[in-house]
């Protein structure tokens, strides 16, 4: 059942939070992150107000070996924040009538196994398909998903070799990257071009997100790429390497400046018009109680105000992006430290902005 999404309040609403980014508040945000200055992994922090990136700073180093500082053009692995781009690619095809949200996946993937025939496209979008998470499955040859190279095709082959779903589609909610890997494959099959090429052509180029890529090729040069790190008890920090070009559920590298352009597109409907925006923000109710998912995004609440957010984490990276649609405010925090807890750092920014 389609629920839709609550209407966005008028920007002149007197009940809006007074979040105007004064110089004092900018200084407080910068002071909070100053502890991450210098030769250590750090953060890129951005604040978008009324569609404008009004504050963007980098703290710490994008690369410790070459002592390259983080700035608003540094490209981070945004991990699961990638899901909203995967979902938007699907949304574009739905808008064009090339994919139906309530159609069976088997309509687009001819090799889809018989035990999975009841899975519809909508079940993938809203994490209620019953498909297992690929990295919990055994790989051929006993190889490790985290340590050894694999492709999206490898992951999907392992999934489709399982004898049955974990639950009937629509009956439960369970987070699984597999859902969005399948969506990426549907986009590629229907569009006739690689998923990365479709996202670049239909999303990144129109929005002038010139430093964003779907990293489906580990050898690709990504301008301004941040190196990911984790804490090492002996060395201080350890460099983390992206070993596999998986995408769909993750795989996008992007910057503060580019994510601000993406955020603004929801305000201006510059990508596909209001109809696509409405689709991407739509929630649906199934047989379970969770009904706050949108297309690769989650509706939530912060101190009584509506939010639209998502969080990401991967080897050496942490990311968080939260939008307050009624207040025309968005906070973006990206980190090249696996334990950077970008969501917690974003909360600190929000406390400053809202005067907590």
C-alpha atoms as a PDB file:
ATOM      1  CA  UNK A   1       0.000   0.000   0.000  1.00  0.00           C
ATOM      2  CA  UNK A   2       1.362   3.414  -0.996  1.00  0.00           C
ATOM      3  CA  UNK A   3       1.490   5.932   1.836  1.00  0.00           C
ATOM      4  CA  UNK A   4       3.309   8.740   0.039  1.00  0.00           C
ATOM      5  CA  UNK A   5       5.222  11.278   2.099  1.00  0.00           C
ATOM      6  CA  UNK A   6       4.175  14.246   4.256  1.00  0.00           C
ATOM      7  CA  UNK A   7       3.998  17.560   2.468  1.00  0.00           C
ATOM      8  CA  UNK A   8       6.918  19.882   2.991  1.00  0.00           C
ATOM      9  CA  UNK A   9       6.111  22.967   5.011  1.00  0.00           C
ATOM     10  CA  UNK A  10       6.442  26.421   3.489  1.00  0.00           C
ATOM     11  CA  UNK A  11       9.878  27.951   4.009  1.00  0.00           C
ATOM     12  CA  UNK A  12       8.238  30.995   5.617  1.00  0.00           C
ATOM     13  CA  UNK A  13       6.579  28.844   8.309  1.00  0.00           C
ATOM     14  CA  UNK A  14       7.097  30.664  11.654  1.00  0.00           C
ATOM     15  CA  UNK A  15       7.574  27.291  13.351  1.00  0.00           C
ATOM     16  CA  UNK A  16      10.752  26.586  11.406  1.00  0.00           C
ATOM     17  CA  UNK A  17      13.858  26.214  13.494  1.00  0.00           C
ATOM     18  CA  UNK A  18      15.966  29.338  13.565  1.00  0.00           C
ATOM     19  CA  UNK A  19      19.013  27.649  12.036  1.00  0.00           C
ATOM     20  CA  UNK A  20      20.497  30.628  10.228  1.00  0.00           C
ATOM     21  CA  UNK A  21      24.194  29.917  10.072  1.00  0.00           C
ATOM     22  CA  UNK A  22      25.685  32.931  11.788  1.00  0.00           C
ATOM     23  CA  UNK A  23      29.422  33.445  11.975  1.00  0.00           C
ATOM     24  CA  UNK A  24      29.254  32.398  15.624  1.00  0.00           C
ATOM     25  CA  UNK A  25      27.695  29.077  14.726  1.00  0.00           C
ATOM     26  CA  UNK A  26      30.232  28.536  11.938  1.00  0.00           C
ATOM     27  CA  UNK A  27      32.991  29.120  14.450  1.00  0.00           C
ATOM     28  CA  UNK A  28      31.413  26.672  16.905  1.00  0.00           C
ATOM     29  CA  UNK A  29      31.188  23.966  14.231  1.00  0.00           C
ATOM     30  CA  UNK A  30      34.797  24.569  13.201  1.00  0.00           C
ATOM     31  CA  UNK A  31      35.933  24.575  16.818  1.00  0.00           C
ATOM     32  CA  UNK A  32      34.275  21.209  17.413  1.00  0.00           C
ATOM     33  CA  UNK A  33      36.123  19.636  14.455  1.00  0.00           C
ATOM     34  CA  UNK A  34      39.440  21.387  15.128  1.00  0.00           C
ATOM     35  CA  UNK A  35      40.456  18.363  17.218  1.00  0.00           C
ATOM     36  CA  UNK A  36      40.805  16.459  13.933  1.00  0.00           C
ATOM     37  CA  UNK A  37      43.155  18.955  12.293  1.00  0.00           C
ATOM     38  CA  UNK A  38      46.619  17.899  11.229  1.00  0.00           C
ATOM     39  CA  UNK A  39      48.107  14.654   9.994  1.00  0.00           C
ATOM     40  CA  UNK A  40      45.336  12.236  10.897  1.00  0.00           C
ATOM     41  CA  UNK A  41      42.199  10.939   9.180  1.00  0.00           C
ATOM     42  CA  UNK A  42      39.391  13.428   9.507  1.00  0.00           C
ATOM     43  CA  UNK A  43      36.160  14.855   8.179  1.00  0.00           C
ATOM     44  CA  UNK A  44      34.530  16.911   5.479  1.00  0.00           C
ATOM     45  CA  UNK A  45      31.603  18.829   6.949  1.00  0.00           C
ATOM     46  CA  UNK A  46      28.974  20.619   4.897  1.00  0.00           C
ATOM     47  CA  UNK A  47      25.832  22.585   5.739  1.00  0.00           C
ATOM     48  CA  UNK A  48      23.243  23.362   3.072  1.00  0.00           C
ATOM     49  CA  UNK A  49      20.639  26.072   3.682  1.00  0.00           C
ATOM     50  CA  UNK A  50      17.906  26.997   1.212  1.00  0.00           C
ATOM     51  CA  UNK A  51      19.729  25.049  -1.493  1.00  0.00           C
ATOM     52  CA  UNK A  52      23.119  26.678  -0.969  1.00  0.00           C
ATOM     53  CA  UNK A  53      26.240  25.082   0.481  1.00  0.00           C
ATOM     54  CA  UNK A  54      26.764  27.806   3.057  1.00  0.00           C
ATOM     55  CA  UNK A  55      29.537  26.133   5.016  1.00  0.00           C
ATOM     56  CA  UNK A  56      32.024  23.508   3.805  1.00  0.00           C
ATOM     57  CA  UNK A  57      35.266  22.647   5.582  1.00  0.00           C
ATOM     58  CA  UNK A  58      37.763  19.849   5.692  1.00  0.00           C
ATOM     59  CA  UNK A  59      39.582  18.713   8.810  1.00  0.00           C
ATOM     60  CA  UNK A  60      42.497  16.287   8.862  1.00  0.00           C
ATOM     61  CA  UNK A  61      44.264  14.507   6.025  1.00  0.00           C
ATOM     62  CA  UNK A  62      42.845  12.805   2.954  1.00  0.00           C
ATOM     63  CA  UNK A  63      46.128  10.901   2.624  1.00  0.00           C
ATOM     64  CA  UNK A  64      48.601  10.459   5.457  1.00  0.00           C
ATOM     65  CA  UNK A  65      51.476   9.297   3.242  1.00  0.00           C
ATOM     66  CA  UNK A  66      51.474  12.492   1.207  1.00  0.00           C
ATOM     67  CA  UNK A  67      49.973  14.781   3.869  1.00  0.00           C
ATOM     68  CA  UNK A  68      47.126  15.921   1.604  1.00  0.00           C
ATOM     69  CA  UNK A  69      44.476  17.891   3.517  1.00  0.00           C
ATOM     70  CA  UNK A  70      40.761  17.183   3.281  1.00  0.00           C
ATOM     71  CA  UNK A  71      38.726  19.902   1.563  1.00  0.00           C
ATOM     72  CA  UNK A  72      35.202  20.221   0.060  1.00  0.00           C
ATOM     73  CA  UNK A  73      36.404  18.629  -3.201  1.00  0.00           C
ATOM     74  CA  UNK A  74      37.847  15.504  -1.552  1.00  0.00           C
ATOM     75  CA  UNK A  75      36.123  12.358  -2.880  1.00  0.00           C
ATOM     76  CA  UNK A  76      35.040   9.903  -0.184  1.00  0.00           C
ATOM     77  CA  UNK A  77      33.711   6.395  -0.434  1.00  0.00           C
ATOM     78  CA  UNK A  78      30.174   7.195   0.762  1.00  0.00           C
ATOM     79  CA  UNK A  79      29.291   3.504   1.266  1.00  0.00           C
ATOM     80  CA  UNK A  80      25.551   2.980   1.795  1.00  0.00           C
ATOM     81  CA  UNK A  81      24.707   6.578   0.937  1.00  0.00           C
ATOM     82  CA  UNK A  82      25.148   5.153  -2.559  1.00  0.00           C
ATOM     83  CA  UNK A  83      21.781   3.399  -2.258  1.00  0.00           C
ATOM     84  CA  UNK A  84      19.853   6.603  -2.919  1.00  0.00           C
ATOM     85  CA  UNK A  85      21.618   6.956  -6.289  1.00  0.00           C
ATOM     86  CA  UNK A  86      20.879   3.335  -7.150  1.00  0.00           C
ATOM     87  CA  UNK A  87      17.243   3.906  -6.235  1.00  0.00           C
ATOM     88  CA  UNK A  88      17.135   7.145  -8.238  1.00  0.00           C
ATOM     89  CA  UNK A  89      18.464   5.315 -11.310  1.00  0.00           C
ATOM     90  CA  UNK A  90      15.622   2.829 -10.916  1.00  0.00           C
ATOM     91  CA  UNK A  91      13.188   5.702 -10.370  1.00  0.00           C
ATOM     92  CA  UNK A  92      14.187   7.239 -13.694  1.00  0.00           C
ATOM     93  CA  UNK A  93      13.351   3.995 -15.488  1.00  0.00           C
ATOM     94  CA  UNK A  94      10.058   3.722 -13.604  1.00  0.00           C
ATOM     95  CA  UNK A  95       9.196   7.284 -14.618  1.00  0.00           C
ATOM     96  CA  UNK A  96       9.879   6.384 -18.241  1.00  0.00           C
ATOM     97  CA  UNK A  97       7.656   3.326 -18.016  1.00  0.00           C
ATOM     98  CA  UNK A  98      10.541   0.922 -18.606  1.00  0.00           C
ATOM     99  CA  UNK A  99      10.274  -0.696 -15.159  1.00  0.00           C
ATOM    100  CA  UNK A 100       7.187  -1.299 -13.023  1.00  0.00           C
ATOM    101  CA  UNK A 101       7.545  -1.089  -9.265  1.00  0.00           C
ATOM    102  CA  UNK A 102       5.101  -3.928  -8.627  1.00  0.00           C
ATOM    103  CA  UNK A 103       6.449  -6.182 -11.395  1.00  0.00           C
ATOM    104  CA  UNK A 104       8.252  -9.427 -10.542  1.00  0.00           C
ATOM    105  CA  UNK A 105      12.039  -9.238 -10.707  1.00  0.00           C
ATOM    106  CA  UNK A 106      11.948 -12.194 -13.093  1.00  0.00           C
ATOM    107  CA  UNK A 107      10.437  -9.864 -15.702  1.00  0.00           C
ATOM    108  CA  UNK A 108      13.827  -8.132 -15.956  1.00  0.00           C
ATOM    109  CA  UNK A 109      16.274 -10.906 -14.995  1.00  0.00           C
ATOM    110  CA  UNK A 110      15.529 -14.033 -16.998  1.00  0.00           C
ATOM    111  CA  UNK A 111      17.846 -16.213 -14.884  1.00  0.00           C
ATOM    112  CA  UNK A 112      15.981 -15.306 -11.685  1.00  0.00           C
ATOM    113  CA  UNK A 113      15.566 -18.617  -9.801  1.00  0.00           C
ATOM    114  CA  UNK A 114      12.197 -20.309  -9.312  1.00  0.00           C
ATOM    115  CA  UNK A 115      12.238 -20.047  -5.475  1.00  0.00           C
ATOM    116  CA  UNK A 116      12.449 -16.243  -5.807  1.00  0.00           C
ATOM    117  CA  UNK A 117       9.553 -15.756  -8.244  1.00  0.00           C
ATOM    118  CA  UNK A 118       7.402 -13.918  -5.703  1.00  0.00           C
ATOM    119  CA  UNK A 119       9.968 -11.105  -5.266  1.00  0.00           C
ATOM    120  CA  UNK A 120       8.823  -7.846  -6.851  1.00  0.00           C
ATOM    121  CA  UNK A 121      10.880  -4.745  -7.625  1.00  0.00           C
ATOM    122  CA  UNK A 122       9.194  -2.867  -4.778  1.00  0.00           C
ATOM    123  CA  UNK A 123      10.378  -5.518  -2.321  1.00  0.00           C
ATOM    124  CA  UNK A 124      13.965  -4.719  -3.272  1.00  0.00           C
ATOM    125  CA  UNK A 125      13.548  -0.964  -2.847  1.00  0.00           C
ATOM    126  CA  UNK A 126      11.962  -1.268   0.584  1.00  0.00           C
ATOM    127  CA  UNK A 127      14.226  -4.013   2.003  1.00  0.00           C
ATOM    128  CA  UNK A 128      11.452  -6.559   2.352  1.00  0.00           C
ATOM    129  CA  UNK A 129      12.400  -9.129  -0.304  1.00  0.00           C
ATOM    130  CA  UNK A 130      13.645 -11.976   1.874  1.00  0.00           C
ATOM    131  CA  UNK A 131      16.870 -12.173  -0.148  1.00  0.00           C
ATOM    132  CA  UNK A 132      19.893 -13.119   1.971  1.00  0.00           C
ATOM    133  CA  UNK A 133      22.841 -10.787   2.487  1.00  0.00           C
ATOM    134  CA  UNK A 134      25.510 -12.013   0.098  1.00  0.00           C
ATOM    135  CA  UNK A 135      28.465 -11.772   2.487  1.00  0.00           C
ATOM    136  CA  UNK A 136      26.797 -14.164   4.932  1.00  0.00           C
ATOM    137  CA  UNK A 137      26.797 -16.880   2.281  1.00  0.00           C
ATOM    138  CA  UNK A 138      29.599 -19.298   1.465  1.00  0.00           C
ATOM    139  CA  UNK A 139      31.753 -18.462  -1.543  1.00  0.00           C
ATOM    140  CA  UNK A 140      33.027 -21.030  -3.973  1.00  0.00           C
ATOM    141  CA  UNK A 141      36.520 -22.173  -3.116  1.00  0.00           C
ATOM    142  CA  UNK A 142      36.090 -21.057   0.490  1.00  0.00           C
ATOM    143  CA  UNK A 143      37.205 -17.529  -0.325  1.00  0.00           C
ATOM    144  CA  UNK A 144      36.459 -14.616   1.992  1.00  0.00           C
ATOM    145  CA  UNK A 145      34.112 -11.841   0.847  1.00  0.00           C
ATOM    146  CA  UNK A 146      36.018  -9.187   2.761  1.00  0.00           C
ATOM    147  CA  UNK A 147      39.595 -10.175   1.973  1.00  0.00           C
ATOM    148  CA  UNK A 148      39.360 -11.518  -1.578  1.00  0.00           C
ATOM    149  CA  UNK A 149      38.339  -9.883  -4.850  1.00  0.00           C
ATOM    150  CA  UNK A 150      34.747 -10.397  -5.995  1.00  0.00           C
ATOM    151  CA  UNK A 151      32.317  -8.811  -8.430  1.00  0.00           C
ATOM    152  CA  UNK A 152      28.629  -8.006  -8.164  1.00  0.00           C
ATOM    153  CA  UNK A 153      28.059 -10.981 -10.455  1.00  0.00           C
ATOM    154  CA  UNK A 154      29.864 -13.218  -7.924  1.00  0.00           C
ATOM    155  CA  UNK A 155      27.662 -11.918  -5.123  1.00  0.00           C
ATOM    156  CA  UNK A 156      24.427 -12.365  -7.067  1.00  0.00           C
ATOM    157  CA  UNK A 157      25.437 -15.864  -8.183  1.00  0.00           C
ATOM    158  CA  UNK A 158      25.911 -16.870  -4.555  1.00  0.00           C
ATOM    159  CA  UNK A 159      22.534 -15.391  -3.644  1.00  0.00           C
ATOM    160  CA  UNK A 160      20.676 -17.045  -6.511  1.00  0.00           C
ATOM    161  CA  UNK A 161      22.215 -20.413  -5.630  1.00  0.00           C
ATOM    162  CA  UNK A 162      20.481 -20.444  -2.241  1.00  0.00           C
ATOM    163  CA  UNK A 163      17.515 -22.840  -2.058  1.00  0.00           C
ATOM    164  CA  UNK A 164      14.933 -20.372  -0.762  1.00  0.00           C
ATOM    165  CA  UNK A 165      14.185 -16.892   0.544  1.00  0.00           C
ATOM    166  CA  UNK A 166      14.717 -16.093   4.209  1.00  0.00           C
ATOM    167  CA  UNK A 167      11.063 -15.014   4.493  1.00  0.00           C
ATOM    168  CA  UNK A 168       8.066 -14.367   2.264  1.00  0.00           C
ATOM    169  CA  UNK A 169       8.409 -11.028   0.417  1.00  0.00           C
ATOM    170  CA  UNK A 170       6.614  -8.235   2.256  1.00  0.00           C
ATOM    171  CA  UNK A 171       6.218 -10.187   5.492  1.00  0.00           C
ATOM    172  CA  UNK A 172       9.349  -8.859   7.234  1.00  0.00           C
ATOM    173  CA  UNK A 173      11.915  -6.084   6.923  1.00  0.00           C
ATOM    174  CA  UNK A 174      15.613  -6.934   6.783  1.00  0.00           C
ATOM    175  CA  UNK A 175      18.469  -4.705   5.687  1.00  0.00           C
ATOM    176  CA  UNK A 176      20.408  -6.294   2.841  1.00  0.00           C
ATOM    177  CA  UNK A 177      22.811  -4.868   0.294  1.00  0.00           C
ATOM    178  CA  UNK A 178      21.736  -7.657  -2.030  1.00  0.00           C
ATOM    179  CA  UNK A 179      18.471  -5.822  -2.706  1.00  0.00           C
ATOM    180  CA  UNK A 180      20.294  -2.867  -4.203  1.00  0.00           C
ATOM    181  CA  UNK A 181      22.805  -4.993  -6.081  1.00  0.00           C
ATOM    182  CA  UNK A 182      19.820  -6.596  -7.827  1.00  0.00           C
ATOM    183  CA  UNK A 183      18.347  -3.138  -8.535  1.00  0.00           C
ATOM    184  CA  UNK A 184      21.654  -2.103 -10.140  1.00  0.00           C
ATOM    185  CA  UNK A 185      21.531  -5.200 -12.325  1.00  0.00           C
ATOM    186  CA  UNK A 186      17.950  -4.416 -13.377  1.00  0.00           C
ATOM    187  CA  UNK A 187      19.005  -0.873 -14.320  1.00  0.00           C
ATOM    188  CA  UNK A 188      21.868  -2.214 -16.424  1.00  0.00           C
ATOM    189  CA  UNK A 189      19.738  -4.835 -18.195  1.00  0.00           C
ATOM    190  CA  UNK A 190      16.845  -2.498 -18.972  1.00  0.00           C
ATOM    191  CA  UNK A 191      18.977   0.484 -20.015  1.00  0.00           C
ATOM    192  CA  UNK A 192      21.411  -1.587 -22.060  1.00  0.00           C
ATOM    193  CA  UNK A 193      24.475   0.141 -20.584  1.00  0.00           C
ATOM    194  CA  UNK A 194      26.640  -0.593 -17.529  1.00  0.00           C
ATOM    195  CA  UNK A 195      25.116   0.630 -14.281  1.00  0.00           C
ATOM    196  CA  UNK A 196      27.968   3.082 -13.681  1.00  0.00           C
ATOM    197  CA  UNK A 197      27.509   4.593 -17.147  1.00  0.00           C
ATOM    198  CA  UNK A 198      23.767   4.987 -16.631  1.00  0.00           C
ATOM    199  CA  UNK A 199      24.215   6.771 -13.281  1.00  0.00           C
ATOM    200  CA  UNK A 200      26.861   9.046 -14.760  1.00  0.00           C
ATOM    201  CA  UNK A 201      24.742   9.890 -17.813  1.00  0.00           C
ATOM    202  CA  UNK A 202      21.383  10.286 -16.092  1.00  0.00           C
ATOM    203  CA  UNK A 203      22.321  11.684 -12.652  1.00  0.00           C
ATOM    204  CA  UNK A 204      25.884  12.909 -12.241  1.00  0.00           C
ATOM    205  CA  UNK A 205      26.240  14.778 -15.554  1.00  0.00           C
ATOM    206  CA  UNK A 206      22.829  16.543 -15.466  1.00  0.00           C
ATOM    207  CA  UNK A 207      23.461  17.699 -11.902  1.00  0.00           C
ATOM    208  CA  UNK A 208      27.097  18.621 -12.681  1.00  0.00           C
ATOM    209  CA  UNK A 209      28.336  16.250 -10.005  1.00  0.00           C
ATOM    210  CA  UNK A 210      31.655  16.194 -11.824  1.00  0.00           C
ATOM    211  CA  UNK A 211      33.682  14.508  -9.070  1.00  0.00           C
ATOM    212  CA  UNK A 212      31.249  11.649  -8.387  1.00  0.00           C
ATOM    213  CA  UNK A 213      31.640   8.132  -9.794  1.00  0.00           C
ATOM    214  CA  UNK A 214      30.318   4.616  -9.314  1.00  0.00           C
ATOM    215  CA  UNK A 215      33.583   2.807  -8.606  1.00  0.00           C
ATOM    216  CA  UNK A 216      33.036  -0.420 -10.546  1.00  0.00           C
ATOM    217  CA  UNK A 217      36.661  -0.460 -11.712  1.00  0.00           C
ATOM    218  CA  UNK A 218      39.339  -0.598  -9.018  1.00  0.00           C
ATOM    219  CA  UNK A 219      41.945   0.728 -11.441  1.00  0.00           C
ATOM    220  CA  UNK A 220      40.014   3.907 -12.213  1.00  0.00           C
ATOM    221  CA  UNK A 221      41.624   7.203 -11.237  1.00  0.00           C
ATOM    222  CA  UNK A 222      39.307   9.189  -8.962  1.00  0.00           C
ATOM    223  CA  UNK A 223      40.366  12.824  -8.659  1.00  0.00           C
ATOM    224  CA  UNK A 224      40.939  13.916  -5.086  1.00  0.00           C
ATOM    225  CA  UNK A 225      40.182  10.458  -3.662  1.00  0.00           C
ATOM    226  CA  UNK A 226      40.562  10.154   0.107  1.00  0.00           C
ATOM    227  CA  UNK A 227      42.366   7.119   1.475  1.00  0.00           C
ATOM    228  CA  UNK A 228      40.440   5.157   4.078  1.00  0.00           C
ATOM    229  CA  UNK A 229      41.964   4.338   7.463  1.00  0.00           C
ATOM    230  CA  UNK A 230      41.256   2.445  10.641  1.00  0.00           C
ATOM    231  CA  UNK A 231      42.896   2.680  14.037  1.00  0.00           C
ATOM    232  CA  UNK A 232      45.942   0.441  14.536  1.00  0.00           C
ATOM    233  CA  UNK A 233      47.154  -0.123  18.094  1.00  0.00           C
ATOM    234  CA  UNK A 234      50.809  -0.236  17.062  1.00  0.00           C
ATOM    235  CA  UNK A 235      51.058   2.067  14.043  1.00  0.00           C
ATOM    236  CA  UNK A 236      48.347   4.544  15.015  1.00  0.00           C
ATOM    237  CA  UNK A 237      46.454   4.219  11.742  1.00  0.00           C
ATOM    238  CA  UNK A 238      46.259   1.534   9.094  1.00  0.00           C
ATOM    239  CA  UNK A 239      45.416   2.143   5.448  1.00  0.00           C
ATOM    240  CA  UNK A 240      42.365   0.236   4.199  1.00  0.00           C
ATOM    241  CA  UNK A 241      42.136  -0.947   0.597  1.00  0.00           C
ATOM    242  CA  UNK A 242      38.952  -1.354  -1.418  1.00  0.00           C
ATOM    243  CA  UNK A 243      39.443  -4.884  -2.666  1.00  0.00           C
ATOM    244  CA  UNK A 244      36.315  -5.386  -4.750  1.00  0.00           C
ATOM    245  CA  UNK A 245      34.342  -3.167  -7.152  1.00  0.00           C
ATOM    246  CA  UNK A 246      30.945  -3.913  -5.650  1.00  0.00           C
ATOM    247  CA  UNK A 247      28.205  -1.362  -6.270  1.00  0.00           C
ATOM    248  CA  UNK A 248      24.462  -0.872  -6.001  1.00  0.00           C
ATOM    249  CA  UNK A 249      24.375  -1.096  -2.222  1.00  0.00           C
ATOM    250  CA  UNK A 250      27.571   0.976  -2.073  1.00  0.00           C
ATOM    251  CA  UNK A 251      30.380   1.929  -4.450  1.00  0.00           C
ATOM    252  CA  UNK A 252      29.829   5.660  -5.056  1.00  0.00           C
ATOM    253  CA  UNK A 253      32.653   8.114  -4.401  1.00  0.00           C
ATOM    254  CA  UNK A 254      31.496  11.704  -3.971  1.00  0.00           C
ATOM    255  CA  UNK A 255      32.365  15.052  -2.417  1.00  0.00           C
ATOM    256  CA  UNK A 256      30.727  17.624  -0.176  1.00  0.00           C
ATOM    257  CA  UNK A 257      30.184  19.931  -3.122  1.00  0.00           C
ATOM    258  CA  UNK A 258      28.608  17.226  -5.261  1.00  0.00           C
ATOM    259  CA  UNK A 259      26.357  15.920  -2.491  1.00  0.00           C
ATOM    260  CA  UNK A 260      25.125  19.471  -1.947  1.00  0.00           C
ATOM    261  CA  UNK A 261      24.099  19.548  -5.633  1.00  0.00           C
ATOM    262  CA  UNK A 262      22.309  16.223  -5.182  1.00  0.00           C
ATOM    263  CA  UNK A 263      20.530  17.584  -2.122  1.00  0.00           C
ATOM    264  CA  UNK A 264      19.464  20.715  -3.987  1.00  0.00           C
ATOM    265  CA  UNK A 265      17.896  18.606  -6.735  1.00  0.00           C
ATOM    266  CA  UNK A 266      15.258  17.421  -4.265  1.00  0.00           C
ATOM    267  CA  UNK A 267      14.422  21.053  -3.541  1.00  0.00           C
ATOM    268  CA  UNK A 268      14.356  22.282  -7.143  1.00  0.00           C
ATOM    269  CA  UNK A 269      13.147  19.016  -8.773  1.00  0.00           C
ATOM    270  CA  UNK A 270      15.898  19.529 -11.338  1.00  0.00           C
ATOM    271  CA  UNK A 271      16.179  15.793 -11.936  1.00  0.00           C
ATOM    272  CA  UNK A 272      13.025  14.399 -13.513  1.00  0.00           C
ATOM    273  CA  UNK A 273      10.712  17.097 -12.185  1.00  0.00           C
ATOM    274  CA  UNK A 274       8.375  16.955  -9.159  1.00  0.00           C
ATOM    275  CA  UNK A 275       7.051  13.541 -10.220  1.00  0.00           C
ATOM    276  CA  UNK A 276      10.434  11.855  -9.792  1.00  0.00           C
ATOM    277  CA  UNK A 277      11.049  13.620  -6.478  1.00  0.00           C
ATOM    278  CA  UNK A 278       7.674  12.433  -5.217  1.00  0.00           C
ATOM    279  CA  UNK A 279       8.472   8.868  -6.258  1.00  0.00           C
ATOM    280  CA  UNK A 280      11.880   8.880  -4.565  1.00  0.00           C
ATOM    281  CA  UNK A 281      10.367  10.151  -1.294  1.00  0.00           C
ATOM    282  CA  UNK A 282       7.437   7.729  -1.355  1.00  0.00           C
ATOM    283  CA  UNK A 283       6.973   5.190   1.440  1.00  0.00           C
ATOM    284  CA  UNK A 284       4.925   2.005   1.248  1.00  0.00           C
ATOM    285  CA  UNK A 285       3.332  -0.227   3.836  1.00  0.00           C
ATOM    286  CA  UNK A 286       3.738  -3.985   3.738  1.00  0.00           C
ATOM    287  CA  UNK A 287       2.787  -6.726   6.210  1.00  0.00           C
ATOM    288  CA  UNK A 288       5.390  -5.615   8.761  1.00  0.00           C
ATOM    289  CA  UNK A 289       5.405  -2.499  10.936  1.00  0.00           C
ATOM    290  CA  UNK A 290       8.301  -0.606   9.354  1.00  0.00           C
ATOM    291  CA  UNK A 291       6.948   2.060   7.006  1.00  0.00           C
ATOM    292  CA  UNK A 292       9.483   4.885   6.956  1.00  0.00           C
ATOM    293  CA  UNK A 293      11.739   3.792   4.089  1.00  0.00           C
ATOM    294  CA  UNK A 294      11.821   5.775   0.858  1.00  0.00           C
ATOM    295  CA  UNK A 295      14.021   5.118  -2.196  1.00  0.00           C
ATOM    296  CA  UNK A 296      17.404   4.496  -0.549  1.00  0.00           C
ATOM    297  CA  UNK A 297      16.468   6.968   2.173  1.00  0.00           C
ATOM    298  CA  UNK A 298      14.739   6.838   5.548  1.00  0.00           C
ATOM    299  CA  UNK A 299      12.191   9.220   7.020  1.00  0.00           C
ATOM    300  CA  UNK A 300      12.901  10.025  10.662  1.00  0.00           C
ATOM    301  CA  UNK A 301      12.686  12.673  13.327  1.00  0.00           C
ATOM    302  CA  UNK A 302      15.092  14.892  15.229  1.00  0.00           C
ATOM    303  CA  UNK A 303      13.780  16.854  18.196  1.00  0.00           C
ATOM    304  CA  UNK A 304      10.268  16.767  16.752  1.00  0.00           C
ATOM    305  CA  UNK A 305      11.299  17.796  13.243  1.00  0.00           C
ATOM    306  CA  UNK A 306      11.003  15.576  10.153  1.00  0.00           C
ATOM    307  CA  UNK A 307      14.245  14.272   8.714  1.00  0.00           C
ATOM    308  CA  UNK A 308      15.282  12.330   5.645  1.00  0.00           C
ATOM    309  CA  UNK A 309      18.567  10.564   6.252  1.00  0.00           C
ATOM    310  CA  UNK A 310      20.932   7.728   5.491  1.00  0.00           C
ATOM    311  CA  UNK A 311      24.164   6.420   6.946  1.00  0.00           C
ATOM    312  CA  UNK A 312      27.089   4.582   5.400  1.00  0.00           C
ATOM    313  CA  UNK A 313      30.087   2.635   6.599  1.00  0.00           C
ATOM    314  CA  UNK A 314      32.788   0.703   4.772  1.00  0.00           C
ATOM    315  CA  UNK A 315      36.413  -0.245   5.307  1.00  0.00           C
ATOM    316  CA  UNK A 316      38.044   3.005   6.345  1.00  0.00           C
ATOM    317  CA  UNK A 317      35.034   5.260   5.746  1.00  0.00           C
ATOM    318  CA  UNK A 318      31.965   6.590   7.542  1.00  0.00           C
ATOM    319  CA  UNK A 319      29.276   8.863   6.089  1.00  0.00           C
ATOM    320  CA  UNK A 320      26.022  10.498   7.104  1.00  0.00           C
ATOM    321  CA  UNK A 321      23.621  12.883   5.417  1.00  0.00           C
ATOM    322  CA  UNK A 322      20.463  14.274   7.001  1.00  0.00           C
ATOM    323  CA  UNK A 323      17.919  16.628   5.433  1.00  0.00           C
ATOM    324  CA  UNK A 324      15.307  18.696   7.259  1.00  0.00           C
ATOM    325  CA  UNK A 325      12.802  19.291   4.431  1.00  0.00           C
ATOM    326  CA  UNK A 326      10.572  21.632   6.444  1.00  0.00           C
ATOM    327  CA  UNK A 327      13.547  23.816   7.339  1.00  0.00           C
ATOM    328  CA  UNK A 328      15.517  23.735   4.070  1.00  0.00           C
ATOM    329  CA  UNK A 329      18.527  22.498   5.994  1.00  0.00           C
ATOM    330  CA  UNK A 330      20.914  19.613   5.314  1.00  0.00           C
ATOM    331  CA  UNK A 331      24.017  18.468   7.159  1.00  0.00           C
ATOM    332  CA  UNK A 332      26.619  16.256   5.476  1.00  0.00           C
ATOM    333  CA  UNK A 333      29.502  14.583   7.309  1.00  0.00           C
ATOM    334  CA  UNK A 334      32.047  12.379   5.539  1.00  0.00           C
ATOM    335  CA  UNK A 335      35.021  10.684   7.209  1.00  0.00           C
ATOM    336  CA  UNK A 336      37.983   8.647   5.991  1.00  0.00           C
ATOM    337  CA  UNK A 337      38.219   6.856   9.333  1.00  0.00           C
ATOM    338  CA  UNK A 338      36.243   3.633   9.662  1.00  0.00           C
ATOM    339  CA  UNK A 339      35.477   4.410  13.303  1.00  0.00           C
ATOM    340  CA  UNK A 340      34.744   8.055  12.515  1.00  0.00           C
ATOM    341  CA  UNK A 341      31.021   7.693  13.365  1.00  0.00           C
ATOM    342  CA  UNK A 342      29.850  10.394  10.997  1.00  0.00           C
ATOM    343  CA  UNK A 343      26.303  10.174  12.371  1.00  0.00           C
ATOM    344  CA  UNK A 344      27.476  11.150  15.837  1.00  0.00           C
ATOM    345  CA  UNK A 345      29.518  14.037  14.468  1.00  0.00           C
ATOM    346  CA  UNK A 346      26.495  15.217  12.489  1.00  0.00           C
ATOM    347  CA  UNK A 347      24.501  15.191  15.720  1.00  0.00           C
ATOM    348  CA  UNK A 348      27.096  17.490  17.254  1.00  0.00           C
ATOM    349  CA  UNK A 349      26.639  19.894  14.323  1.00  0.00           C
ATOM    350  CA  UNK A 350      22.865  19.792  14.710  1.00  0.00           C
ATOM    351  CA  UNK A 351      23.132  20.544  18.418  1.00  0.00           C
ATOM    352  CA  UNK A 352      25.126  23.655  17.535  1.00  0.00           C
ATOM    353  CA  UNK A 353      22.721  24.749  14.799  1.00  0.00           C
ATOM    354  CA  UNK A 354      19.610  24.198  16.886  1.00  0.00           C
ATOM    355  CA  UNK A 355      21.132  25.750  19.992  1.00  0.00           C
ATOM    356  CA  UNK A 356      21.052  22.602  22.113  1.00  0.00           C
END
